[in-house]
Amino acid sequence: MAMTGGKPGRSNRVAVVIGRSAVWAVEAEARGGVCRAARRGAAPLPYAAWDDLPLHADQIAAAVRAALAAGGIRATKADTCVPRRLVTAKVASLPRATPDMVEGMVRFEAQQYVPWPLEDAVLGHQVLSDDSADELMSVLVVGVRKQLISDLLSIFDSAGLEVGRIGVSALALAEHTLGRASPHLVVSCDQGDLDVVVAEDGRTLFSRGASVEAGEADEVARTLMAYAAERLPSPIHLELAGPDADDADLAGTISAQTGLACRPIVTELMPDGPDWLPYATAAGIAAQPAPGAASRVNLVPLERSERRAVQRKRLLGFAAVAAASVVLVGVVGWAFQATRAQAAARTLGARENARLATAKQALKKAKSAHDALLRSWTTATDGLARNEPMVDVLHAVSQAAPREGGTYLTQLAIDRGGRVALHGMTNKPEAPTMLVVNLQKTGRFSEVRLGYLGDAQGVGPASAAVQPGVTAGSVGFLVVATLAREAAPPPDRETTRKQSADGGA
């Protein structure tokens, strides 16, 4: 969040990042379009604070205040971020449209990627490429649990800070690649919390987050394999950031695993010196432009921003009324009667506003119930109208599933267009590829592809912890297939409704 400074053309931006081992605070100066970190401060945190934010809320809030004080940073507003491992992120190709239309398309697209009900999630997006010559634009869709955002905002409220932006840790690292024309792989490690991003000139091409007790180099190598599967240009530079960036053994192991030269990050955003390496994520957050139209991901709920705007207007209104009252009381006696009349009018207005708010709430609740009933009716109607051979699909999936242990299919979904989505988790990285190959051999599908491969930790109720034989290092996957169409077309919705009205199924 930008904080206006005392001189024209200059502003200060403050970012506070809650890491695994400490809270990192950075104040950056933006002058003439160039941003550079100026002050920094840190304060230690209890181990694994992100695992239970409400439990450690008071300690985290105290650490936030201590980090600002350690850096001599005075602020009432700040930006922050959530770890990449706690969010779902996917690049989608969408038709070029206005920002309002993009918001709707992002919400529709998120149904395929977010592993929680949309009403329990906060969505954000960032336009990666919007060339007017192309019909499609690349949009990064990000989702996170709403409760996590609520807990994080409560901590900053306790620390006395207003949050303007909530970004994503790995995406903040992409800010360090501004002005670099080739893809760079940036890795930040903080006691096993790993953020990996491939970016070019500030544009995120691929990102991943993980929490590992050991084997950080293996995680980086797996990230490169997943990145290569997207058929994107290979990174030619690898840079380390974070508290463990000066670990020579870690750098050597990562370099040996990836085959890329590994060095501490060098950027114009931060001053030279290894002491600044732990603050790379916070500096990247501070360097992001002020919250605006889809320029960067912002996970602050819209309703919170609107509520704060209403509060500011209300405070300004109360201040204006108080000033007018003081002037009127000091003029003449009849002004006292006018003030009383105004007070009565304000009371009546507040009462009527309360009644209006109650009526709006009732209307909103009725509309919500109507929309829910309509969605249920549509879902039931569409479900009854299926013409897909479900038994054959289940048999084909059963025959294609790998026979070795350690692989579980947690969800199967099929839509009216014949698109099948298989969610699962496995201890064997090669198992998803075997499943794709076996599905192609069944002949039931015209197209089969691997849609997602990533960590299974924290990705929904069917986590690796509740599946026997699946270890904490397991990966989750999503396989998307398209059924091979037969000659007979499926019945349309109007035919299905008529059959339902006549008592048919």
Protein backbone atom coordinates (compact mmCIF):
# COMPACT_ATOMS: atom_id res chain seq x y z
CA MET A 1 0.00 0.00 0.00
CA ALA A 2 1.40 3.36 -0.94
CA MET A 3 1.82 5.93 1.81
CA THR A 4 2.22 9.48 0.59
CA GLY A 5 5.46 11.12 1.55
CA GLY A 6 6.25 14.73 2.23
CA LYS A 7 7.62 15.62 -1.21
CA PRO A 8 5.77 15.61 -4.55
CA GLY A 9 6.52 12.62 -6.77
CA ARG A 10 7.70 10.49 -3.85
CA SER A 11 5.82 7.86 -1.90
CA ASN A 12 6.66 5.19 0.62
CA ARG A 13 5.28 1.67 0.46
CA VAL A 14 5.30 -0.65 3.46
CA ALA A 15 5.07 -4.45 3.22
CA VAL A 16 4.91 -6.91 6.12
CA VAL A 17 5.41 -10.63 5.36
CA ILE A 18 4.70 -13.37 7.90
CA GLY A 19 7.28 -16.06 7.19
CA ARG A 20 7.99 -19.39 8.82
CA SER A 21 10.76 -18.20 11.13
CA ALA A 22 10.08 -14.47 11.45
CA VAL A 23 8.06 -11.44 10.41
CA TRP A 24 9.86 -9.41 7.72
CA ALA A 25 8.99 -5.71 7.24
CA VAL A 26 10.24 -3.46 4.42
CA GLU A 27 9.65 0.18 3.60
CA ALA A 28 10.38 1.02 -0.02
CA GLU A 29 10.67 4.42 -1.65
CA ALA A 30 9.05 4.98 -5.04
CA ARG A 31 10.51 7.96 -6.83
CA GLY A 32 10.14 8.79 -10.52
CA GLY A 33 8.70 5.34 -11.30
CA VAL A 34 11.65 3.55 -9.64
CA CYS A 35 11.10 1.61 -6.41
CA ARG A 36 13.92 0.73 -4.01
CA ALA A 37 13.86 -0.78 -0.51
CA ALA A 38 15.07 1.70 2.10
CA ARG A 39 14.37 0.30 5.59
CA ARG A 40 13.91 -3.17 7.00
CA GLY A 41 13.11 -4.88 10.28
CA ALA A 42 12.43 -8.39 11.54
CA ALA A 43 11.04 -10.13 14.61
CA PRO A 44 11.03 -13.88 15.43
CA LEU A 45 7.87 -16.00 15.23
CA PRO A 46 6.71 -19.21 16.89
CA TYR A 47 7.43 -22.29 14.78
CA ALA A 48 4.82 -23.07 12.10
CA ALA A 49 2.58 -20.10 12.95
CA TRP A 50 0.74 -20.48 9.61
CA ASP A 51 -0.50 -23.92 10.68
CA ASP A 52 -2.89 -22.24 13.18
CA LEU A 53 -3.15 -18.46 12.80
CA PRO A 54 -5.89 -17.98 15.45
CA LEU A 55 -3.82 -19.87 18.04
CA HIS A 56 -0.77 -17.63 17.47
CA ALA A 57 -2.69 -14.43 16.62
CA ASP A 58 -1.48 -12.36 19.61
CA GLN A 59 2.15 -13.46 19.13
CA ILE A 60 2.05 -12.69 15.41
CA ALA A 61 0.50 -9.25 15.97
CA ALA A 62 3.20 -8.46 18.55
CA ALA A 63 5.89 -9.65 16.11
CA VAL A 64 4.45 -7.39 13.38
CA ARG A 65 4.71 -4.36 15.66
CA ALA A 66 8.22 -5.41 16.76
CA ALA A 67 9.42 -5.81 13.15
CA LEU A 68 8.19 -2.32 12.23
CA ALA A 69 9.84 -0.86 15.33
CA ALA A 70 13.11 -2.69 14.60
CA GLY A 71 13.28 -1.05 11.18
CA GLY A 72 12.18 2.39 12.37
CA ILE A 73 9.11 2.12 10.13
CA ARG A 74 6.05 4.16 11.03
CA ALA A 75 2.95 3.12 9.14
CA THR A 76 -0.80 2.78 9.47
CA LYS A 77 -1.22 0.96 6.16
CA ALA A 78 0.70 -1.99 4.73
CA ASP A 79 0.57 -4.79 2.17
CA THR A 80 1.12 -8.45 2.97
CA CYS A 81 0.90 -11.89 1.33
CA VAL A 82 -0.01 -15.52 1.97
CA PRO A 83 2.36 -18.44 1.27
CA ARG A 84 2.10 -19.90 -2.23
CA ARG A 85 1.56 -23.39 -0.78
CA LEU A 86 -1.77 -22.27 0.76
CA VAL A 87 -3.32 -20.95 -2.48
CA THR A 88 -4.47 -22.49 -5.73
CA ALA A 89 -3.13 -20.78 -8.87
CA LYS A 90 -3.72 -21.61 -12.53
CA VAL A 91 -3.13 -19.77 -15.82
CA ALA A 92 -6.26 -19.68 -17.98
CA SER A 93 -6.81 -18.45 -21.55
CA LEU A 94 -9.86 -16.17 -21.68
CA PRO A 95 -11.44 -14.06 -24.43
CA ARG A 96 -10.49 -10.41 -24.39
CA ALA A 97 -13.18 -8.48 -22.52
CA THR A 98 -13.84 -5.58 -20.15
CA PRO A 99 -12.63 -5.86 -16.51
CA ASP A 100 -16.17 -6.52 -15.26
CA MET A 101 -16.65 -9.35 -17.76
CA VAL A 102 -13.23 -10.78 -16.87
CA GLU A 103 -14.30 -10.91 -13.21
CA GLY A 104 -17.27 -13.09 -14.17
CA MET A 105 -15.19 -15.34 -16.42
CA VAL A 106 -12.58 -15.77 -13.67
CA ARG A 107 -15.26 -16.85 -11.21
CA PHE A 108 -16.61 -19.37 -13.72
CA GLU A 109 -13.11 -20.64 -14.56
CA ALA A 110 -12.23 -21.00 -10.88
CA GLN A 111 -14.81 -23.76 -10.47
CA GLN A 112 -12.38 -26.09 -12.28
CA TYR A 113 -9.34 -25.29 -10.14
CA VAL A 114 -10.40 -24.23 -6.63
CA PRO A 115 -10.79 -27.30 -4.36
CA TRP A 116 -13.34 -25.57 -2.09
CA PRO A 117 -16.88 -24.23 -2.61
CA LEU A 118 -16.65 -20.79 -4.20
CA GLU A 119 -18.64 -19.24 -1.36
CA ASP A 120 -15.82 -20.33 1.00
CA ALA A 121 -13.04 -18.92 -1.21
CA VAL A 122 -11.57 -15.52 -2.03
CA LEU A 123 -10.60 -15.19 -5.70
CA GLY A 124 -8.05 -12.95 -7.33
CA HIS A 125 -6.61 -12.68 -10.80
CA GLN A 126 -3.81 -11.03 -12.73
CA VAL A 127 -3.75 -10.39 -16.48
CA LEU A 128 -0.43 -11.77 -17.73
CA SER A 129 -0.76 -10.93 -21.44
CA ASP A 130 -3.38 -8.82 -23.22
CA ASP A 131 -2.17 -8.28 -26.77
CA SER A 132 -4.84 -6.55 -28.87
CA ALA A 133 -3.76 -8.66 -31.83
CA ASP A 134 -4.73 -11.89 -30.03
CA GLU A 135 -8.28 -13.06 -29.47
CA LEU A 136 -7.34 -14.64 -26.12
CA MET A 137 -5.46 -13.28 -23.13
CA SER A 138 -3.61 -15.16 -20.38
CA VAL A 139 -5.03 -14.63 -16.90
CA LEU A 140 -3.61 -16.02 -13.65
CA VAL A 141 -6.53 -17.22 -11.48
CA VAL A 142 -5.79 -17.45 -7.73
CA GLY A 143 -8.02 -18.83 -4.97
CA VAL A 144 -7.58 -19.09 -1.19
CA ARG A 145 -9.80 -20.05 1.74
CA LYS A 146 -11.89 -17.11 2.99
CA GLN A 147 -11.35 -18.10 6.63
CA LEU A 148 -7.57 -17.87 6.22
CA ILE A 149 -7.88 -14.32 4.84
CA SER A 150 -10.24 -13.38 7.68
CA ASP A 151 -7.77 -14.66 10.30
CA LEU A 152 -4.89 -12.80 8.63
CA LEU A 153 -6.81 -9.51 8.48
CA SER A 154 -7.76 -9.86 12.16
CA ILE A 155 -4.07 -10.12 13.07
CA PHE A 156 -3.22 -6.91 11.19
CA ASP A 157 -6.21 -5.15 12.77
CA SER A 158 -4.80 -6.11 16.18
CA ALA A 159 -1.41 -4.75 15.11
CA GLY A 160 -3.03 -1.41 14.13
CA LEU A 161 -2.43 -1.74 10.39
CA GLU A 162 -4.90 -1.38 7.54
CA VAL A 163 -4.19 -3.93 4.78
CA GLY A 164 -4.48 -2.59 1.24
CA ARG A 165 -3.30 -5.68 -0.64
CA ILE A 166 -2.92 -9.37 0.10
CA GLY A 167 -0.67 -10.92 -2.53
CA VAL A 168 0.99 -14.31 -2.98
CA SER A 169 4.56 -14.91 -1.79
CA ALA A 170 5.88 -16.56 -4.96
CA LEU A 171 4.32 -13.88 -7.19
CA ALA A 172 6.06 -11.19 -5.14
CA LEU A 173 9.41 -12.71 -6.11
CA ALA A 174 8.53 -12.11 -9.78
CA GLU A 175 8.90 -8.35 -9.17
CA HIS A 176 12.68 -8.89 -8.95
CA THR A 177 12.77 -9.89 -12.65
CA LEU A 178 11.55 -6.51 -13.96
CA GLY A 179 13.70 -5.42 -16.88
CA ARG A 180 14.97 -8.95 -17.56
CA ALA A 181 14.01 -10.25 -20.97
CA SER A 182 14.77 -13.95 -20.36
CA PRO A 183 13.01 -16.36 -17.97
CA HIS A 184 14.52 -16.45 -14.47
CA LEU A 185 13.96 -19.12 -11.83
CA VAL A 186 13.78 -17.50 -8.36
CA VAL A 187 13.76 -19.74 -5.27
CA SER A 188 13.09 -18.55 -1.71
CA CYS A 189 13.64 -20.94 1.20
CA ASP A 190 12.80 -20.27 4.85
CA GLN A 191 13.43 -23.30 7.08
CA GLY A 192 11.72 -25.69 4.67
CA ASP A 193 9.03 -23.31 3.35
CA LEU A 194 9.80 -23.15 -0.37
CA ASP A 195 8.55 -20.60 -2.92
CA VAL A 196 9.52 -21.13 -6.57
CA VAL A 197 8.61 -18.86 -9.48
CA VAL A 198 9.65 -18.65 -13.12
CA ALA A 199 9.17 -15.09 -14.33
CA GLU A 200 10.20 -12.82 -17.17
CA ASP A 201 10.17 -9.01 -16.90
CA GLY A 202 7.87 -9.19 -13.86
CA ARG A 203 5.42 -11.55 -15.61
CA THR A 204 4.81 -14.84 -13.80
CA LEU A 205 5.12 -17.86 -16.09
CA PHE A 206 4.93 -20.59 -13.44
CA SER A 207 4.87 -20.75 -9.64
CA ARG A 208 4.83 -23.36 -6.91
CA GLY A 209 5.04 -23.54 -3.13
CA ALA A 210 5.82 -26.36 -0.74
CA SER A 211 6.71 -27.09 2.86
CA VAL A 212 9.43 -29.71 3.24
CA GLU A 213 11.60 -30.80 6.13
CA ALA A 214 14.46 -31.75 3.78
CA GLY A 215 15.12 -32.19 0.06
CA GLU A 216 14.57 -28.58 -1.07
CA ALA A 217 16.65 -29.28 -4.17
CA ASP A 218 14.36 -32.18 -5.10
CA GLU A 219 11.35 -29.87 -4.86
CA VAL A 220 13.03 -27.34 -7.15
CA ALA A 221 13.82 -30.12 -9.65
CA ARG A 222 10.20 -31.31 -9.56
CA THR A 223 9.06 -27.75 -10.17
CA LEU A 224 11.24 -27.55 -13.26
CA MET A 225 9.75 -30.84 -14.51
CA ALA A 226 6.21 -29.53 -14.03
CA TYR A 227 7.20 -26.26 -15.71
CA ALA A 228 8.68 -28.14 -18.68
CA ALA A 229 5.39 -30.03 -19.05
CA GLU A 230 3.71 -26.68 -19.80
CA ARG A 231 5.99 -26.34 -22.87
CA LEU A 232 7.22 -22.89 -21.84
CA PRO A 233 10.72 -21.46 -22.53
CA SER A 234 13.33 -22.91 -20.16
CA PRO A 235 14.84 -20.57 -17.52
CA ILE A 236 18.48 -19.72 -18.06
CA HIS A 237 19.23 -18.21 -14.65
CA LEU A 238 18.56 -19.51 -11.13
CA GLU A 239 18.68 -17.14 -8.15
CA LEU A 240 18.21 -17.79 -4.43
CA ALA A 241 16.40 -15.54 -1.96
CA GLY A 242 15.05 -15.82 1.57
CA PRO A 243 16.70 -16.52 4.94
CA ASP A 244 18.51 -19.62 3.59
CA ALA A 245 19.83 -17.97 0.43
CA ASP A 246 23.42 -17.80 1.74
CA ASP A 247 23.54 -21.56 2.44
CA ALA A 248 26.37 -22.73 0.18
CA ASP A 249 25.44 -26.41 0.57
CA LEU A 250 21.84 -25.73 -0.48
CA ALA A 251 22.98 -23.70 -3.50
CA GLY A 252 25.35 -26.45 -4.56
CA THR A 253 22.71 -29.17 -4.22
CA ILE A 254 20.12 -27.19 -6.19
CA SER A 255 22.67 -26.44 -8.91
CA ALA A 256 23.58 -30.13 -9.15
CA GLN A 257 19.93 -31.20 -9.34
CA THR A 258 18.83 -28.65 -11.93
CA GLY A 259 21.98 -28.18 -13.98
CA LEU A 260 21.65 -24.38 -13.67
CA ALA A 261 24.18 -22.04 -12.12
CA CYS A 262 22.85 -20.99 -8.72
CA ARG A 263 23.60 -17.64 -7.06
CA PRO A 264 22.02 -15.25 -4.50
CA ILE A 265 19.54 -12.90 -6.09
CA VAL A 266 20.90 -9.64 -7.51
CA THR A 267 18.29 -6.96 -8.08
CA GLU A 268 17.97 -3.19 -8.24
CA LEU A 269 14.98 -3.39 -5.90
CA MET A 270 17.14 -4.15 -2.84
CA PRO A 271 20.48 -2.66 -1.79
CA ASP A 272 23.54 -4.83 -2.21
CA GLY A 273 24.50 -7.14 0.61
CA PRO A 274 23.49 -10.57 1.93
CA ASP A 275 21.63 -8.99 4.86
CA TRP A 276 18.78 -8.05 2.49
CA LEU A 277 18.26 -11.57 1.07
CA PRO A 278 15.68 -12.64 3.75
CA TYR A 279 13.58 -9.59 2.83
CA ALA A 280 13.21 -10.45 -0.88
CA THR A 281 9.52 -11.41 -0.64
CA ALA A 282 8.61 -8.34 1.43
CA ALA A 283 10.53 -6.09 -0.97
CA GLY A 284 8.65 -7.64 -3.90
CA ILE A 285 5.29 -6.97 -2.23
CA ALA A 286 6.31 -3.36 -1.52
CA ALA A 287 7.37 -2.91 -5.15
CA GLN A 288 3.99 -3.93 -6.55
CA PRO A 289 1.87 -1.01 -7.79
CA ALA A 290 -0.99 0.31 -5.70
CA PRO A 291 -4.11 -1.93 -5.76
CA GLY A 292 -5.90 -1.39 -9.05
CA ALA A 293 -7.46 -3.05 -12.06
CA ALA A 294 -6.03 -6.58 -12.33
CA SER A 295 -2.42 -5.35 -12.46
CA ARG A 296 -1.51 -7.63 -9.57
CA VAL A 297 -3.34 -10.25 -7.50
CA ASN A 298 -5.22 -8.79 -4.52
CA LEU A 299 -6.98 -11.20 -2.15
CA VAL A 300 -8.53 -8.55 0.12
CA PRO A 301 -12.29 -9.32 0.03
CA LEU A 302 -14.27 -6.71 -1.88
CA GLU A 303 -16.85 -6.38 0.88
CA ARG A 304 -14.16 -5.34 3.36
CA SER A 305 -12.93 -2.54 1.08
CA GLU A 306 -16.48 -1.33 0.57
CA ARG A 307 -17.17 -1.41 4.31
CA ARG A 308 -14.08 0.67 5.06
CA ALA A 309 -15.06 3.21 2.38
CA VAL A 310 -18.49 3.57 3.98
CA GLN A 311 -16.88 4.03 7.40
CA ARG A 312 -14.62 6.78 6.07
CA LYS A 313 -17.55 8.61 4.50
CA ARG A 314 -19.52 8.27 7.72
CA LEU A 315 -16.65 9.68 9.80
CA LEU A 316 -16.27 12.58 7.39
CA GLY A 317 -20.00 13.21 7.59
CA PHE A 318 -19.97 13.20 11.39
CA ALA A 319 -17.02 15.60 11.44
CA ALA A 320 -18.79 18.00 9.09
CA VAL A 321 -21.98 17.90 11.16
CA ALA A 322 -20.03 18.54 14.39
CA ALA A 323 -18.24 21.54 12.88
CA ALA A 324 -21.51 22.98 11.61
CA SER A 325 -23.11 22.47 15.04
CA VAL A 326 -20.31 24.39 16.81
CA VAL A 327 -20.69 27.31 14.42
CA LEU A 328 -24.46 27.41 14.77
CA VAL A 329 -24.40 27.21 18.58
CA GLY A 330 -22.06 30.22 18.74
CA VAL A 331 -24.09 32.53 16.51
CA VAL A 332 -27.46 33.39 18.07
CA GLY A 333 -30.16 31.82 20.17
CA TRP A 334 -32.33 30.74 17.30
CA ALA A 335 -29.44 28.64 15.96
CA PHE A 336 -29.92 26.35 18.98
CA GLN A 337 -33.43 25.51 17.81
CA ALA A 338 -32.11 24.84 14.31
CA THR A 339 -29.51 22.47 15.72
CA ARG A 340 -32.17 20.58 17.64
CA ALA A 341 -34.22 20.27 14.47
CA GLN A 342 -31.20 18.93 12.62
CA ALA A 343 -30.54 16.42 15.38
CA ALA A 344 -34.12 15.20 15.18
CA ALA A 345 -33.83 14.90 11.41
CA ARG A 346 -30.59 12.93 11.76
CA THR A 347 -32.23 10.58 14.26
CA LEU A 348 -35.17 10.05 11.93
CA GLY A 349 -32.80 9.52 9.01
CA ALA A 350 -30.75 6.98 10.97
CA ARG A 351 -33.92 5.11 11.92
CA GLU A 352 -35.16 5.08 8.34
CA ASN A 353 -31.74 4.03 7.12
CA ALA A 354 -31.78 1.16 9.57
CA ARG A 355 -35.19 0.08 8.30
CA LEU A 356 -33.91 0.36 4.72
CA ALA A 357 -30.86 -1.73 5.59
CA THR A 358 -33.10 -4.37 7.16
CA ALA A 359 -35.29 -4.44 4.07
CA LYS A 360 -32.22 -4.74 1.82
CA GLN A 361 -30.89 -7.60 3.93
CA ALA A 362 -34.23 -9.41 3.68
CA LEU A 363 -34.26 -8.87 -0.09
CA LYS A 364 -30.70 -10.15 -0.36
CA LYS A 365 -31.58 -13.25 1.66
CA ALA A 366 -34.66 -13.93 -0.46
CA LYS A 367 -32.65 -13.49 -3.66
CA SER A 368 -29.95 -15.81 -2.32
CA ALA A 369 -32.54 -18.47 -1.50
CA HIS A 370 -34.10 -18.08 -4.95
CA ASP A 371 -30.71 -18.38 -6.67
CA ALA A 372 -29.84 -21.46 -4.62
CA LEU A 373 -33.17 -23.10 -5.49
CA LEU A 374 -32.67 -22.24 -9.18
CA ARG A 375 -29.15 -23.73 -9.14
CA SER A 376 -30.45 -26.90 -7.50
CA TRP A 377 -33.24 -27.21 -10.06
CA THR A 378 -30.82 -26.63 -12.94
CA THR A 379 -28.34 -29.15 -11.54
CA ALA A 380 -31.05 -31.78 -11.12
CA THR A 381 -32.44 -31.12 -14.60
CA ASP A 382 -29.01 -31.28 -16.20
CA GLY A 383 -28.20 -34.44 -14.27
CA LEU A 384 -31.38 -36.17 -15.44
CA ALA A 385 -30.65 -35.13 -19.01
CA ARG A 386 -27.34 -37.00 -19.18
CA ASN A 387 -26.80 -39.34 -22.11
CA GLU A 388 -23.30 -40.41 -21.05
CA PRO A 389 -22.44 -44.12 -20.50
CA MET A 390 -21.49 -43.72 -16.84
CA VAL A 391 -20.98 -47.45 -16.23
CA ASP A 392 -18.63 -47.67 -19.22
CA VAL A 393 -16.71 -44.61 -18.00
CA LEU A 394 -16.31 -46.06 -14.50
CA HIS A 395 -15.19 -49.39 -15.96
CA ALA A 396 -12.65 -47.67 -18.24
CA VAL A 397 -11.26 -45.61 -15.33
CA SER A 398 -11.06 -48.73 -13.14
CA GLN A 399 -9.14 -50.63 -15.82
CA ALA A 400 -6.78 -47.70 -16.44
CA ALA A 401 -5.91 -47.04 -12.77
CA PRO A 402 -2.32 -48.06 -11.88
CA ARG A 403 -2.23 -51.43 -10.12
CA GLU A 404 0.64 -50.59 -7.80
CA GLY A 405 -0.22 -49.27 -4.34
CA GLY A 406 0.03 -45.65 -3.18
CA THR A 407 -2.33 -44.12 -5.81
CA TYR A 408 -5.87 -43.02 -4.93
CA LEU A 409 -8.64 -41.46 -7.03
CA THR A 410 -10.53 -39.05 -4.80
CA GLN A 411 -13.08 -37.52 -7.18
CA LEU A 412 -14.62 -38.18 -10.61
CA ALA A 413 -16.77 -35.59 -12.37
CA ILE A 414 -18.40 -35.62 -15.81
CA ASP A 415 -20.26 -32.73 -17.42
CA ARG A 416 -22.87 -32.62 -20.17
CA GLY A 417 -20.21 -31.96 -22.78
CA GLY A 418 -18.59 -35.32 -22.11
CA ARG A 419 -15.64 -33.83 -20.20
CA VAL A 420 -14.35 -36.08 -17.41
CA ALA A 421 -12.20 -34.78 -14.52
CA LEU A 422 -10.28 -37.21 -12.29
CA HIS A 423 -8.77 -35.92 -9.03
CA GLY A 424 -6.35 -38.05 -7.04
CA MET A 425 -3.14 -38.30 -5.07
CA THR A 426 -0.13 -40.60 -5.26
CA ASN A 427 3.26 -41.36 -3.77
CA LYS A 428 4.63 -42.16 -7.25
CA PRO A 429 5.22 -39.16 -9.53
CA GLU A 430 5.00 -41.43 -12.60
CA ALA A 431 1.54 -42.77 -11.69
CA PRO A 432 -0.46 -39.81 -13.21
CA THR A 433 1.37 -40.27 -16.53
CA MET A 434 0.62 -44.03 -16.50
CA LEU A 435 -3.03 -43.23 -15.84
CA VAL A 436 -3.15 -40.84 -18.82
CA VAL A 437 -1.57 -43.45 -21.12
CA ASN A 438 -3.91 -46.22 -19.92
CA LEU A 439 -6.98 -44.02 -20.41
CA GLN A 440 -5.92 -43.30 -23.97
CA LYS A 441 -5.61 -47.03 -24.66
CA THR A 442 -9.19 -47.75 -23.54
CA GLY A 443 -10.66 -46.13 -26.66
CA ARG A 444 -13.42 -44.50 -24.61
CA PHE A 445 -11.81 -41.05 -24.77
CA SER A 446 -10.92 -38.86 -27.70
CA GLU A 447 -8.53 -36.72 -25.65
CA VAL A 448 -6.71 -37.27 -22.36
CA ARG A 449 -4.31 -34.85 -20.69
CA LEU A 450 -2.71 -34.17 -17.33
CA GLY A 451 -4.26 -30.94 -16.10
CA TYR A 452 -2.48 -30.48 -12.78
CA LEU A 453 0.35 -32.03 -10.77
CA GLY A 454 1.25 -30.59 -7.37
CA ASP A 455 1.35 -31.10 -3.63
CA ALA A 456 -1.54 -32.95 -2.00
CA GLN A 457 -1.01 -31.20 1.36
CA GLY A 458 -3.78 -28.73 2.29
CA VAL A 459 -5.82 -29.21 -0.90
CA GLY A 460 -9.20 -30.11 0.53
CA PRO A 461 -10.87 -32.64 2.75
CA ALA A 462 -9.35 -35.64 0.91
CA SER A 463 -5.80 -34.83 2.01
CA ALA A 464 -2.90 -37.19 2.13
CA ALA A 465 -3.18 -37.46 5.92
CA VAL A 466 -6.44 -39.45 5.81
CA GLN A 467 -5.46 -41.93 3.06
CA PRO A 468 -3.61 -45.09 4.17
CA GLY A 469 -0.34 -45.62 2.38
CA VAL A 470 -0.04 -42.00 1.21
CA THR A 471 2.88 -40.16 2.78
CA ALA A 472 3.16 -36.47 3.62
CA GLY A 473 5.30 -35.92 0.52
CA SER A 474 2.61 -37.15 -1.85
CA VAL A 475 1.42 -35.15 -4.85
CA GLY A 476 -2.05 -34.43 -6.09
CA PHE A 477 -3.07 -34.58 -9.71
CA LEU A 478 -5.93 -33.75 -12.06
CA VAL A 479 -6.52 -35.71 -15.27
CA VAL A 480 -8.96 -34.24 -17.81
CA ALA A 481 -10.42 -36.41 -20.57
CA THR A 482 -13.07 -36.03 -23.27
CA LEU A 483 -15.44 -38.88 -24.07
CA ALA A 484 -15.43 -40.23 -27.61
CA ARG A 485 -18.80 -39.23 -29.05
CA GLU A 486 -21.21 -41.78 -30.52
CA ALA A 487 -23.57 -41.22 -33.44
CA ALA A 488 -26.73 -40.47 -31.41
CA PRO A 489 -26.73 -36.85 -30.06
CA PRO A 490 -27.73 -36.30 -26.43
CA PRO A 491 -31.26 -35.01 -25.80
CA ASP A 492 -31.57 -31.26 -25.35
CA ARG A 493 -32.74 -29.67 -22.10
CA GLU A 494 -36.23 -28.88 -23.43
CA THR A 495 -36.81 -32.57 -24.28
CA THR A 496 -35.59 -33.62 -20.84
CA ARG A 497 -37.92 -31.14 -19.13
CA LYS A 498 -40.87 -32.42 -21.15
CA GLN A 499 -40.02 -36.01 -20.20
CA SER A 500 -39.78 -35.01 -16.53
CA ALA A 501 -43.19 -33.31 -16.74
CA ASP A 502 -44.67 -36.49 -18.27
CA GLY A 503 -43.20 -38.65 -15.50
CA GLY A 504 -40.23 -40.02 -17.47
CA ALA A 505 -36.66 -40.13 -16.20
